[in-house]
Amino acid sequence: MPLPQAGVSYADRPTFSLVPIDDAEFTRKLFTPLTLEGVIYLANTTWPIGTVFRLYLENLNWVPNAELASGPTPARAPPYSAFVYGVIALQQLQADGRVRFATEERFEPAGGPIPAGKVDAADVIEAAKSGFELRRDEGGATWTLGKKTRQPVLFIDPKAQGTDAAREFTRAFRLKPGAAKYDVTVDSLPPFSEGDTPGGVAVMDLEPRSLLQAMYFASHGVDIPPEHSAANLARTTLTDDGSVFNWKDVTFNLFHVKWAAGDAPPRNAHVSVRYQNRWFYIDQTDHDTKATFSLLLEMTRLDLQGKQGDQPLLTLPLGR
């Protein structure tokens, strides 16, 4: 998939300006994982949550989403099935209007209780100037210094409890069954902790992917011509029993690129590219793949926006 090497800007004059992107900034943005806020934002857009999570999460509560697929084709098949089942269940809950990502205001203490006699109006004002808040505790004998924060939360409709989708979602991701909400975090659970809480956890802990990792993941949905495999142009992934792993089990209903021979692109191609004497293309009737391709393109533009600053401009007159 081609990546833009220049940012584009417009001005109120008949010119077209290109701003070169700094190589270090370009590389940093490719390798920087999506933020928690970014994941929540995408989860609340019109793209299905299944598409967003399967494409942009390495794991959820350390349940792996084919983590080895976030780079060059691995020799061994990665674990993925529990994650896919859980995300499909979550997407069903979303389609039924039974889940919603939102934020809750929280008060995070920055220390222990302070006796009321040691707090005056000046202290309250000074705390506010520094971005903190002094709150009187229940009973009035002490105060607590802290900060207001916004915590991302997944809310679940109580009417959804007990449904097949809710049971599969909580089972797959080792969540506490029956909870009305789960805090959404990044790197809050230690690895290898799945057995530490037998009743399940009340948090959805995410490990987001970077744009480059997401693109590598999607690339495993490309069909490989037999002659390319025979010539070892593409690595073959094997299962534990030595059989060929079918990557369609990972990327189904998410991303699928077909191939064809011939001198011209297939007539039913939405987009196509020629490589090693074959055409690789997205079928124009494959709406799931077109949606994923569109999301990747939009994220490429978003992540690769250049900073103008003092960078040189190449300005071209239009209409000549």
Protein backbone atom coordinates (compact mmCIF):
# COMPACT_ATOMS: atom_id res chain seq x y z
CA MET A 1 0.00 0.00 0.00
CA PRO A 2 1.63 3.30 -1.03
CA LEU A 3 2.22 5.85 1.68
CA PRO A 4 2.21 9.59 1.11
CA GLN A 5 5.61 11.24 1.45
CA ALA A 6 4.35 14.80 1.58
CA GLY A 7 1.64 16.68 3.43
CA VAL A 8 -0.81 18.77 1.43
CA SER A 9 -2.10 22.22 2.36
CA TYR A 10 -4.32 24.78 0.68
CA ALA A 11 -4.40 28.58 0.78
CA ASP A 12 -6.65 31.36 -0.57
CA ARG A 13 -4.65 31.71 -3.78
CA PRO A 14 -4.44 29.65 -6.97
CA THR A 15 -1.51 27.50 -5.81
CA PHE A 16 -0.95 23.96 -4.59
CA SER A 17 1.63 23.53 -1.79
CA LEU A 18 3.54 20.38 -0.80
CA VAL A 19 5.23 20.18 2.62
CA PRO A 20 7.97 17.49 2.80
CA ILE A 21 7.64 15.22 5.83
CA ASP A 22 10.73 14.80 7.97
CA ASP A 23 12.03 11.20 7.72
CA ALA A 24 12.37 10.78 11.49
CA GLU A 25 8.83 12.06 12.09
CA PHE A 26 7.51 9.82 9.32
CA THR A 27 9.14 6.75 10.88
CA ARG A 28 8.09 7.65 14.43
CA LYS A 29 4.45 7.92 13.43
CA LEU A 30 4.58 4.58 11.62
CA PHE A 31 5.90 2.82 14.73
CA THR A 32 3.92 4.67 17.43
CA PRO A 33 0.97 2.60 18.77
CA LEU A 34 -2.50 4.08 18.60
CA THR A 35 -3.42 5.83 21.85
CA LEU A 36 -6.23 4.68 24.13
CA GLU A 37 -8.14 7.81 23.18
CA GLY A 38 -7.65 6.92 19.52
CA VAL A 39 -9.01 3.41 20.02
CA ILE A 40 -12.08 4.73 21.86
CA TYR A 41 -12.63 7.36 19.17
CA LEU A 42 -12.55 4.76 16.39
CA ALA A 43 -14.79 2.41 18.41
CA ASN A 44 -17.45 5.15 18.49
CA THR A 45 -17.32 5.84 14.74
CA THR A 46 -19.36 4.16 12.05
CA TRP A 47 -16.69 1.51 11.48
CA PRO A 48 -17.70 -1.77 13.19
CA ILE A 49 -15.95 -2.29 16.50
CA GLY A 50 -14.88 -5.71 15.26
CA THR A 51 -12.94 -4.10 12.42
CA VAL A 52 -11.29 -1.57 14.75
CA PHE A 53 -10.30 -4.09 17.44
CA ARG A 54 -9.14 -6.85 15.08
CA LEU A 55 -7.04 -4.39 13.09
CA TYR A 56 -5.63 -2.20 15.86
CA LEU A 57 -5.27 -4.39 18.97
CA GLU A 58 -2.43 -6.80 19.72
CA ASN A 59 -4.39 -8.27 22.62
CA LEU A 60 -7.18 -7.53 25.08
CA ASN A 61 -6.62 -8.64 28.68
CA TRP A 62 -3.63 -10.54 27.25
CA VAL A 63 -5.90 -12.63 25.01
CA PRO A 64 -3.80 -12.56 21.80
CA ASN A 65 -5.02 -11.30 18.44
CA ALA A 66 -2.53 -13.13 16.21
CA GLU A 67 0.29 -11.02 17.64
CA LEU A 68 2.89 -12.63 15.37
CA ALA A 69 0.95 -11.24 12.41
CA SER A 70 1.97 -7.67 13.35
CA GLY A 71 5.21 -8.06 11.42
CA PRO A 72 6.69 -10.13 8.59
CA THR A 73 4.95 -13.44 7.95
CA PRO A 74 5.80 -15.80 10.83
CA ALA A 75 6.91 -19.39 10.42
CA ARG A 76 4.46 -20.61 13.12
CA ALA A 77 0.72 -20.04 13.31
CA PRO A 78 -0.26 -17.50 16.00
CA PRO A 79 -3.08 -17.95 18.54
CA TYR A 80 -6.12 -15.86 17.64
CA SER A 81 -9.44 -17.73 17.97
CA ALA A 82 -10.52 -16.66 21.48
CA PHE A 83 -9.92 -13.00 20.57
CA VAL A 84 -11.96 -13.28 17.37
CA TYR A 85 -14.87 -15.00 19.12
CA GLY A 86 -14.89 -12.35 21.84
CA VAL A 87 -14.76 -9.43 19.41
CA ILE A 88 -17.53 -10.90 17.25
CA ALA A 89 -19.68 -11.13 20.40
CA LEU A 90 -18.83 -7.52 21.31
CA GLN A 91 -19.74 -6.41 17.80
CA GLN A 92 -23.09 -8.18 18.13
CA LEU A 93 -23.74 -6.32 21.38
CA GLN A 94 -22.82 -3.05 19.64
CA ALA A 95 -25.11 -3.83 16.69
CA ASP A 96 -27.96 -4.46 19.14
CA GLY A 97 -27.28 -1.14 20.87
CA ARG A 98 -26.32 -2.87 24.13
CA VAL A 99 -22.84 -1.42 24.69
CA ARG A 100 -21.44 2.10 24.63
CA PHE A 101 -17.97 3.55 25.13
CA ALA A 102 -17.97 6.73 27.21
CA THR A 103 -15.94 8.43 29.96
CA GLU A 104 -16.55 8.91 33.67
CA GLU A 105 -15.18 11.69 35.81
CA ARG A 106 -12.95 10.37 38.57
CA PHE A 107 -11.11 12.02 41.47
CA GLU A 108 -7.57 10.68 41.86
CA PRO A 109 -6.04 11.43 45.30
CA ALA A 110 -2.48 12.75 45.29
CA GLY A 111 -1.83 12.01 48.97
CA GLY A 112 -3.38 11.10 52.28
CA PRO A 113 -6.05 12.97 54.26
CA ILE A 114 -5.14 16.47 55.49
CA PRO A 115 -6.58 17.70 58.83
CA ALA A 116 -9.22 20.37 58.24
CA GLY A 117 -7.45 22.80 60.58
CA LYS A 118 -4.44 22.93 58.24
CA VAL A 119 -6.46 23.92 55.14
CA ASP A 120 -7.65 27.45 54.40
CA ALA A 121 -9.04 29.30 51.37
CA ALA A 122 -5.57 30.23 50.14
CA ASP A 123 -4.61 26.55 50.01
CA VAL A 124 -7.69 25.75 47.92
CA ILE A 125 -6.85 28.55 45.46
CA GLU A 126 -3.20 27.56 45.25
CA ALA A 127 -4.12 23.94 44.55
CA ALA A 128 -6.44 25.05 41.75
CA LYS A 129 -3.66 27.16 40.19
CA SER A 130 -1.49 24.03 40.00
CA GLY A 131 -4.21 21.95 38.38
CA PHE A 132 -5.24 20.15 41.56
CA GLU A 133 -8.33 20.24 43.73
CA LEU A 134 -8.74 20.17 47.51
CA ARG A 135 -11.92 18.32 48.48
CA ARG A 136 -13.49 18.15 51.91
CA ASP A 137 -13.91 14.50 52.91
CA GLU A 138 -17.13 13.06 54.23
CA GLY A 139 -17.61 14.20 57.82
CA GLY A 140 -15.57 17.36 57.29
CA ALA A 141 -12.65 16.43 59.54
CA THR A 142 -10.15 16.06 56.68
CA TRP A 143 -9.43 17.22 53.13
CA THR A 144 -7.87 15.35 50.22
CA LEU A 145 -5.68 16.77 47.46
CA GLY A 146 -6.23 15.26 44.04
CA LYS A 147 -7.03 15.72 40.36
CA LYS A 148 -10.10 15.21 38.23
CA THR A 149 -9.60 12.69 35.45
CA ARG A 150 -11.73 11.23 32.68
CA GLN A 151 -11.73 7.42 32.69
CA PRO A 152 -12.78 5.57 29.49
CA VAL A 153 -15.48 3.03 30.31
CA LEU A 154 -17.46 0.39 28.42
CA PHE A 155 -21.07 0.40 29.62
CA ILE A 156 -23.24 -2.69 29.10
CA ASP A 157 -27.02 -2.55 29.08
CA PRO A 158 -28.34 -4.62 32.01
CA LYS A 159 -30.87 -6.12 29.59
CA ALA A 160 -27.96 -7.70 27.70
CA GLN A 161 -26.78 -9.69 30.72
CA GLY A 162 -27.39 -13.38 30.23
CA THR A 163 -27.46 -13.22 26.44
CA ASP A 164 -25.23 -15.51 24.41
CA ALA A 165 -23.24 -12.52 23.13
CA ALA A 166 -22.58 -11.16 26.64
CA ARG A 167 -21.54 -14.58 27.95
CA GLU A 168 -19.14 -15.14 25.04
CA PHE A 169 -17.67 -11.64 25.36
CA THR A 170 -16.95 -11.96 29.09
CA ARG A 171 -15.71 -15.55 28.78
CA ALA A 172 -13.32 -14.82 25.91
CA PHE A 173 -11.68 -11.85 27.63
CA ARG A 174 -11.77 -13.20 31.22
CA LEU A 175 -14.09 -10.42 32.37
CA LYS A 176 -16.19 -10.41 35.52
CA PRO A 177 -19.66 -11.62 34.42
CA GLY A 178 -22.67 -9.43 35.08
CA ALA A 179 -20.79 -6.14 35.53
CA ALA A 180 -22.58 -3.00 34.32
CA LYS A 181 -19.33 -1.39 33.17
CA TYR A 182 -15.63 -2.08 32.63
CA ASP A 183 -12.81 0.46 32.83
CA VAL A 184 -10.86 0.60 29.56
CA THR A 185 -7.10 0.90 30.12
CA VAL A 186 -3.70 0.36 28.50
CA ASP A 187 -1.00 -1.73 30.20
CA SER A 188 -2.78 -1.97 33.55
CA LEU A 189 -2.70 -5.78 33.81
CA PRO A 190 0.59 -7.65 34.18
CA PRO A 191 1.34 -10.41 31.67
CA PHE A 192 0.71 -14.05 32.61
CA SER A 193 -1.96 -12.94 35.11
CA GLU A 194 -4.94 -14.75 33.63
CA GLY A 195 -5.27 -17.07 36.63
CA ASP A 196 -4.85 -14.38 39.31
CA THR A 197 -8.55 -13.43 39.37
CA PRO A 198 -10.70 -16.58 39.14
CA GLY A 199 -13.94 -14.58 39.01
CA GLY A 200 -12.76 -12.39 36.17
CA VAL A 201 -11.50 -8.81 36.01
CA ALA A 202 -13.51 -5.58 35.82
CA VAL A 203 -11.20 -3.93 33.30
CA MET A 204 -10.62 -4.12 29.56
CA ASP A 205 -6.86 -3.73 29.23
CA LEU A 206 -5.71 -3.04 25.68
CA GLU A 207 -2.40 -3.24 23.85
CA PRO A 208 -2.88 -1.14 20.69
CA ARG A 209 -0.99 -1.63 17.45
CA SER A 210 0.87 0.99 15.46
CA LEU A 211 -0.11 1.91 11.91
CA LEU A 212 2.75 -0.22 10.55
CA GLN A 213 1.67 -3.21 12.65
CA ALA A 214 -1.92 -2.83 11.47
CA MET A 215 -0.77 -2.78 7.85
CA TYR A 216 1.36 -5.89 8.37
CA PHE A 217 -1.63 -7.61 9.99
CA ALA A 218 -3.90 -6.75 7.05
CA SER A 219 -1.26 -7.95 4.56
CA HIS A 220 -1.85 -11.54 5.69
CA GLY A 221 -5.21 -11.33 3.94
CA VAL A 222 -3.45 -11.34 0.55
CA ASP A 223 -3.87 -14.52 -1.51
CA ILE A 224 -0.53 -15.97 -2.65
CA PRO A 225 -0.24 -17.43 -6.19
CA PRO A 226 0.93 -21.07 -6.02
CA GLU A 227 3.97 -20.30 -8.19
CA HIS A 228 5.04 -17.58 -5.75
CA SER A 229 4.85 -20.04 -2.87
CA ALA A 230 6.72 -22.66 -4.87
CA ALA A 231 9.47 -20.15 -5.65
CA ASN A 232 9.66 -19.20 -1.95
CA LEU A 233 8.75 -15.59 -2.78
CA ALA A 234 6.36 -15.66 0.16
CA ARG A 235 6.91 -17.48 3.46
CA THR A 236 4.51 -20.31 4.29
CA THR A 237 3.18 -20.37 7.87
CA LEU A 238 2.77 -23.82 9.42
CA THR A 239 0.63 -25.13 12.26
CA ASP A 240 2.03 -27.26 15.09
CA ASP A 241 1.28 -30.45 13.14
CA GLY A 242 3.21 -29.20 10.10
CA SER A 243 0.23 -28.41 7.89
CA VAL A 244 -0.13 -25.10 6.04
CA PHE A 245 -1.87 -22.44 8.13
CA ASN A 246 -4.86 -20.74 6.52
CA TRP A 247 -4.58 -16.99 7.16
CA LYS A 248 -8.19 -16.53 6.04
CA ASP A 249 -9.18 -17.88 9.47
CA VAL A 250 -7.59 -14.73 10.95
CA THR A 251 -8.61 -12.11 8.38
CA PHE A 252 -12.07 -13.37 7.32
CA ASN A 253 -14.67 -10.62 6.89
CA LEU A 254 -11.88 -8.12 7.50
CA PHE A 255 -9.41 -8.01 4.59
CA HIS A 256 -9.03 -10.12 1.46
CA VAL A 257 -6.87 -9.36 -1.60
CA LYS A 258 -7.20 -11.64 -4.61
CA TRP A 259 -4.77 -12.19 -7.48
CA ALA A 260 -5.20 -12.62 -11.22
CA ALA A 261 -3.06 -13.08 -14.32
CA GLY A 262 -3.29 -10.98 -17.47
CA ASP A 263 -2.02 -7.76 -18.99
CA ALA A 264 -4.76 -5.56 -17.57
CA PRO A 265 -6.32 -5.25 -14.08
CA PRO A 266 -9.46 -7.35 -13.48
CA ARG A 267 -12.61 -5.51 -14.51
CA ASN A 268 -14.17 -6.06 -11.08
CA ALA A 269 -11.20 -4.55 -9.19
CA HIS A 270 -11.90 -1.76 -6.70
CA VAL A 271 -8.15 -1.09 -6.49
CA SER A 272 -5.29 -3.12 -7.97
CA VAL A 273 -1.50 -3.26 -8.13
CA ARG A 274 0.81 -5.31 -10.35
CA TYR A 275 3.56 -7.30 -8.61
CA GLN A 276 5.72 -10.20 -9.82
CA ASN A 277 3.72 -10.51 -13.06
CA ARG A 278 0.38 -10.82 -11.26
CA TRP A 279 -2.42 -8.40 -10.44
CA PHE A 280 -3.39 -8.14 -6.77
CA TYR A 281 -6.76 -6.49 -6.23
CA ILE A 282 -9.73 -5.89 -3.95
CA ASP A 283 -13.00 -7.10 -5.42
CA GLN A 284 -15.45 -4.23 -5.76
CA THR A 285 -18.20 -6.38 -4.22
CA ASP A 286 -16.14 -7.11 -1.07
CA HIS A 287 -17.56 -4.42 1.20
CA ASP A 288 -15.77 -5.61 4.35
CA THR A 289 -12.35 -5.37 2.70
CA LYS A 290 -13.19 -2.00 1.12
CA ALA A 291 -14.19 -0.67 4.56
CA THR A 292 -10.93 -1.89 6.13
CA PHE A 293 -8.91 -0.47 3.24
CA SER A 294 -10.67 2.87 3.66
CA LEU A 295 -9.97 2.87 7.41
CA LEU A 296 -6.26 2.18 6.81
CA LEU A 297 -6.09 4.99 4.27
CA GLU A 298 -7.76 7.45 6.63
CA MET A 299 -5.46 6.45 9.49
CA THR A 300 -2.46 6.85 7.18
CA ARG A 301 -3.50 10.40 6.41
CA LEU A 302 -4.22 11.12 10.07
CA ASP A 303 -0.99 9.65 11.42
CA LEU A 304 1.23 11.06 8.71
CA GLN A 305 0.21 14.71 8.80
CA GLY A 306 3.33 16.84 8.49
CA LYS A 307 4.14 19.84 10.64
CA GLN A 308 4.66 22.90 8.53
CA GLY A 309 6.74 25.05 10.85
CA ASP A 310 9.94 26.11 9.14
CA GLN A 311 9.89 23.30 6.57
CA PRO A 312 10.35 24.39 2.96
CA LEU A 313 7.28 24.73 0.74
CA LEU A 314 7.11 23.68 -2.88
CA THR A 315 4.41 25.92 -4.35
CA LEU A 316 2.98 25.17 -7.78
CA PRO A 317 0.67 27.56 -9.68
CA LEU A 318 -2.64 26.03 -10.72
CA GLY A 319 -4.39 26.48 -14.03
CA ARG A 320 -1.24 26.64 -16.18
